[in-house]
């Protein structure tokens, strides 16, 4: 008969499984610092030696990392999604920007529809709370805070979709965006884009989600990404025109000599 004796699971193994699940579900995030050893062992209800064994196993797996004199952190597991060479190519070729927008338009419209269907009431409360913060930051006209909350809002929608593959893919995408590999929010403001327009687009996404209307939520995401694409296309054209104008100016100055 294909039966084996049930073996009790070691406490350290139980800790490993719990932390793995928290990282997988996006609750523990890359770069996040874990509580001090004493606090964490008390929260988990295990001895400090058992916790140390668990941390050692997670470090071997590349999920946790220790910083001397600082503590234990969730490893930057997103960094492995794209090689440094590929990131450099992304940053040097403008066509990659529009592929990035296409990817986000397709993937995030799906996640928004999933969030409207499968997100819990608490998930949608989180999205609403982030949007409320966006509205406050909009009044203050704080570009850095606006950009941070913009990313947080989109990630909250992905988290509400309850698909861990989508979650980590989009987080990786936003990590590149935060590093300025593709573009930054200020590009749209150079095209006389008002903060109100961007806030209204996010309001439409939030409205569709709170109404649990998958089609409306997905359409709002697509409309937002269409707007971003148009703004970036206009900025590229403006940059090209400026380059030509500078050549003309240099030529005219040379003619006067």
Protein backbone atom coordinates (compact mmCIF):
# COMPACT_ATOMS: atom_id res chain seq x y z
CA UNK A 1 0.00 0.00 0.00
CA UNK A 2 1.35 3.49 -0.86
CA UNK A 3 1.23 4.89 2.65
CA UNK A 4 4.04 6.27 4.74
CA UNK A 5 4.21 7.34 8.34
CA UNK A 6 3.39 11.00 8.85
CA UNK A 7 6.45 12.90 9.99
CA UNK A 8 5.96 15.94 12.25
CA UNK A 9 7.22 19.11 10.59
CA UNK A 10 10.14 20.89 12.22
CA UNK A 11 9.35 24.32 13.61
CA UNK A 12 12.01 25.90 11.44
CA UNK A 13 10.39 24.35 8.34
CA UNK A 14 7.01 25.77 9.37
CA UNK A 15 8.62 29.22 9.68
CA UNK A 16 10.20 28.85 6.23
CA UNK A 17 6.83 27.97 4.69
CA UNK A 18 5.11 30.92 6.36
CA UNK A 19 7.72 33.46 5.21
CA UNK A 20 7.77 31.96 1.71
CA UNK A 21 4.00 32.39 1.51
CA UNK A 22 4.20 36.02 2.69
CA UNK A 23 6.80 36.80 0.01
CA UNK A 24 4.88 34.92 -2.69
CA UNK A 25 1.65 36.78 -1.88
CA UNK A 26 3.45 40.11 -1.97
CA UNK A 27 2.81 40.87 1.70
CA UNK A 28 6.52 40.93 2.49
CA UNK A 29 8.10 43.10 -0.21
CA UNK A 30 11.61 43.25 -1.68
CA UNK A 31 13.89 45.32 0.52
CA UNK A 32 11.54 45.15 3.52
CA UNK A 33 13.26 44.70 6.88
CA UNK A 34 12.05 41.88 9.10
CA UNK A 35 11.45 42.55 12.82
CA UNK A 36 14.40 41.98 15.18
CA UNK A 37 15.10 38.34 16.01
CA UNK A 38 13.59 38.47 19.49
CA UNK A 39 10.37 40.13 18.31
CA UNK A 40 10.01 37.84 15.31
CA UNK A 41 10.54 34.66 17.33
CA UNK A 42 7.86 35.80 19.80
CA UNK A 43 5.40 36.62 17.00
CA UNK A 44 5.97 33.23 15.40
CA UNK A 45 5.94 31.38 18.71
CA UNK A 46 9.24 29.60 18.08
CA UNK A 47 12.63 29.60 19.76
CA UNK A 48 15.37 31.84 18.48
CA UNK A 49 17.51 28.84 17.37
CA UNK A 50 14.56 27.56 15.29
CA UNK A 51 14.15 31.02 13.77
CA UNK A 52 17.86 31.20 12.95
CA UNK A 53 17.65 27.83 11.18
CA UNK A 54 14.69 29.09 9.14
CA UNK A 55 16.45 32.33 8.22
CA UNK A 56 19.54 30.37 7.15
CA UNK A 57 17.41 28.19 4.86
CA UNK A 58 15.69 31.22 3.34
CA UNK A 59 19.05 32.89 2.79
CA UNK A 60 20.27 29.79 0.94
CA UNK A 61 17.19 30.02 -1.25
CA UNK A 62 17.97 33.67 -2.00
CA UNK A 63 14.75 34.97 -0.43
CA UNK A 64 16.30 36.72 2.58
CA UNK A 65 19.54 38.63 2.98
CA UNK A 66 21.43 39.90 6.01
CA UNK A 67 22.99 43.36 6.16
CA UNK A 68 25.77 43.72 8.69
CA UNK A 69 24.67 45.75 11.69
CA UNK A 70 21.27 46.41 10.12
CA UNK A 71 19.18 43.26 10.19
CA UNK A 72 17.45 40.76 7.94
CA UNK A 73 15.73 41.89 4.74
CA UNK A 74 13.61 40.39 2.01
CA UNK A 75 15.97 39.94 -0.93
CA UNK A 76 15.52 41.94 -4.11
CA UNK A 77 14.04 38.94 -5.87
CA UNK A 78 12.66 41.18 -8.65
CA UNK A 79 16.14 42.02 -9.78
CA UNK A 80 16.44 38.63 -11.50
CA UNK A 81 13.52 39.33 -13.85
CA UNK A 82 15.75 41.29 -16.26
CA UNK A 83 19.49 41.08 -16.71
CA UNK A 84 21.58 44.27 -16.44
CA UNK A 85 22.40 43.98 -20.15
CA UNK A 86 18.71 43.86 -21.07
CA UNK A 87 17.90 46.81 -18.78
CA UNK A 88 20.63 48.81 -20.56
CA UNK A 89 19.08 47.96 -23.93
CA UNK A 90 15.67 49.06 -22.66
CA UNK A 91 17.07 52.42 -21.57
CA UNK A 92 18.88 53.05 -24.86
CA UNK A 93 16.11 52.18 -27.32
CA UNK A 94 13.00 54.35 -27.36
CA UNK A 95 10.88 51.65 -29.04
CA UNK A 96 11.06 49.71 -25.78
CA UNK A 97 9.04 52.47 -24.12
CA UNK A 98 6.03 51.77 -26.31
CA UNK A 99 6.38 48.00 -25.91
CA UNK A 100 6.36 48.65 -22.18
CA UNK A 101 3.15 50.69 -22.48
CA UNK A 102 1.54 47.95 -24.60
CA UNK A 103 2.51 45.37 -21.99
CA UNK A 104 1.06 47.43 -19.17
CA UNK A 105 -2.11 48.22 -21.11
CA UNK A 106 -2.79 44.54 -21.76
CA UNK A 107 -1.71 43.13 -18.40
CA UNK A 108 -3.12 45.83 -16.13
CA UNK A 109 -6.51 45.86 -17.87
CA UNK A 110 -6.69 42.13 -17.11
CA UNK A 111 -5.65 42.64 -13.50
CA UNK A 112 -8.20 45.43 -13.05
CA UNK A 113 -10.96 43.18 -14.37
CA UNK A 114 -9.80 40.37 -12.04
CA UNK A 115 -9.65 42.77 -9.08
CA UNK A 116 -13.23 43.87 -9.74
CA UNK A 117 -14.33 40.23 -9.78
CA UNK A 118 -12.15 38.61 -7.14
CA UNK A 119 -10.92 41.38 -4.86
CA UNK A 120 -12.28 41.25 -1.33
CA UNK A 121 -14.00 44.21 0.29
CA UNK A 122 -10.76 44.82 2.19
CA UNK A 123 -8.74 44.79 -1.05
CA UNK A 124 -10.98 47.49 -2.48
CA UNK A 125 -10.70 49.50 0.73
CA UNK A 126 -6.92 49.48 0.25
CA UNK A 127 -7.30 50.76 -3.33
CA UNK A 128 -9.68 53.47 -2.11
CA UNK A 129 -7.27 54.50 0.67
CA UNK A 130 -4.39 54.87 -1.79
CA UNK A 131 -6.55 56.89 -4.17
CA UNK A 132 -7.56 59.20 -1.32
CA UNK A 133 -3.86 59.80 -0.64
CA UNK A 134 -3.35 60.55 -4.33
CA UNK A 135 -6.02 63.23 -4.17
CA UNK A 136 -4.29 64.85 -1.18
CA UNK A 137 -0.87 64.71 -2.90
CA UNK A 138 -2.44 66.25 -6.02
CA UNK A 139 -3.52 69.28 -3.98
CA UNK A 140 0.03 69.66 -2.64
CA UNK A 141 1.60 69.30 -6.13
CA UNK A 142 4.42 67.13 -4.76
CA UNK A 143 5.88 65.29 -7.82
CA UNK A 144 7.82 62.65 -5.88
CA UNK A 145 4.88 61.78 -3.64
CA UNK A 146 2.53 61.74 -6.63
CA UNK A 147 4.79 59.31 -8.52
CA UNK A 148 5.15 57.04 -5.47
CA UNK A 149 1.39 56.91 -4.88
CA UNK A 150 0.73 56.40 -8.60
CA UNK A 151 2.80 53.21 -8.53
CA UNK A 152 1.26 52.17 -5.20
CA UNK A 153 -2.24 52.60 -6.64
CA UNK A 154 -1.54 50.38 -9.65
CA UNK A 155 0.15 47.78 -7.47
CA UNK A 156 -2.81 47.77 -5.06
CA UNK A 157 -5.05 46.85 -7.99
CA UNK A 158 -2.71 44.04 -9.00
CA UNK A 159 -2.63 42.76 -5.41
CA UNK A 160 -6.44 42.77 -5.39
CA UNK A 161 -6.44 40.54 -8.49
CA UNK A 162 -5.02 37.67 -6.40
CA UNK A 163 -2.70 36.32 -9.08
CA UNK A 164 0.85 36.04 -7.80
CA UNK A 165 2.43 35.78 -11.27
CA UNK A 166 0.80 39.03 -12.37
CA UNK A 167 1.78 40.62 -9.06
CA UNK A 168 5.49 39.92 -9.37
CA UNK A 169 5.64 40.73 -13.09
CA UNK A 170 4.03 44.14 -12.55
CA UNK A 171 6.22 44.85 -9.53
CA UNK A 172 9.24 44.15 -11.66
CA UNK A 173 7.92 46.52 -14.33
CA UNK A 174 7.38 49.29 -11.78
CA UNK A 175 10.84 48.72 -10.37
CA UNK A 176 12.28 49.58 -13.79
CA UNK A 177 9.95 52.57 -14.06
CA UNK A 178 11.06 53.85 -10.65
CA UNK A 179 14.68 53.67 -11.84
CA UNK A 180 13.78 55.84 -14.84
CA UNK A 181 14.50 53.10 -17.40
CA UNK A 182 11.41 53.95 -19.46
CA UNK A 183 10.05 57.38 -18.55
CA UNK A 184 8.91 59.42 -15.57
CA UNK A 185 5.69 61.22 -14.74
CA UNK A 186 7.21 64.63 -15.42
CA UNK A 187 7.32 63.89 -19.17
CA UNK A 188 3.55 64.19 -19.30
CA UNK A 189 3.58 67.50 -17.46
CA UNK A 190 5.90 68.91 -20.15
CA UNK A 191 3.06 68.24 -22.59
CA UNK A 192 0.82 70.53 -20.53
CA UNK A 193 -0.85 67.51 -18.99
CA UNK A 194 -2.71 68.66 -15.93
CA UNK A 195 -2.53 66.82 -12.66
CA UNK A 196 -6.32 66.87 -12.71
CA UNK A 197 -6.39 64.82 -15.94
CA UNK A 198 -4.18 62.10 -14.45
CA UNK A 199 -6.10 62.09 -11.19
CA UNK A 200 -9.40 61.80 -13.09
CA UNK A 201 -8.06 58.78 -14.98
CA UNK A 202 -7.16 57.06 -11.72
CA UNK A 203 -10.53 58.06 -10.29
CA UNK A 204 -12.22 56.26 -13.21
CA UNK A 205 -10.22 53.11 -12.46
CA UNK A 206 -11.16 53.30 -8.81
CA UNK A 207 -14.83 53.92 -9.61
CA UNK A 208 -14.97 50.83 -11.83
CA UNK A 209 -13.33 48.72 -9.15
CA UNK A 210 -15.53 49.95 -6.31
CA UNK A 211 -18.61 49.26 -8.46
CA UNK A 212 -17.19 45.77 -9.15
CA UNK A 213 -17.56 46.43 -12.86
CA UNK A 214 -14.76 44.49 -14.64
CA UNK A 215 -15.42 46.08 -18.04
CA UNK A 216 -15.39 49.64 -16.67
CA UNK A 217 -12.23 49.03 -14.62
CA UNK A 218 -10.39 47.50 -17.61
CA UNK A 219 -11.55 50.27 -19.96
CA UNK A 220 -10.32 52.93 -17.52
CA UNK A 221 -6.87 51.32 -17.43
CA UNK A 222 -6.70 51.18 -21.22
CA UNK A 223 -7.78 54.82 -21.49
CA UNK A 224 -5.07 55.83 -19.02
CA UNK A 225 -2.34 53.95 -20.88
CA UNK A 226 -3.56 55.39 -24.22
CA UNK A 227 -3.19 58.84 -22.67
CA UNK A 228 0.34 58.06 -21.46
CA UNK A 229 1.29 56.78 -24.92
CA UNK A 230 -0.03 59.93 -26.60
CA UNK A 231 1.87 62.16 -24.16
CA UNK A 232 5.13 60.31 -24.73
CA UNK A 233 4.67 60.34 -28.51
CA UNK A 234 4.08 64.10 -28.39
CA UNK A 235 7.19 64.58 -26.24
CA UNK A 236 9.33 62.57 -28.65
CA UNK A 237 8.08 64.72 -31.52
CA UNK A 238 8.78 67.87 -29.52
CA UNK A 239 12.31 66.66 -28.73
CA UNK A 240 12.96 65.93 -32.39
CA UNK A 241 11.64 69.36 -33.41
CA UNK A 242 13.83 71.02 -30.79
CA UNK A 243 16.91 69.20 -32.09
CA UNK A 244 16.19 70.46 -35.62
CA UNK A 245 15.55 73.99 -34.33
CA UNK A 246 18.89 74.00 -32.53
CA UNK A 247 20.68 72.98 -35.72
CA UNK A 248 18.97 75.86 -37.56
CA UNK A 249 19.99 78.29 -34.83
CA UNK A 250 23.61 77.14 -34.93
CA UNK A 251 23.58 77.49 -38.72
CA UNK A 252 22.13 81.03 -38.58
CA UNK A 253 24.71 82.08 -36.00
CA UNK A 254 27.43 80.75 -38.26
CA UNK A 255 26.07 82.76 -41.20
CA UNK A 256 26.40 85.98 -39.20
CA UNK A 257 30.13 85.55 -38.63
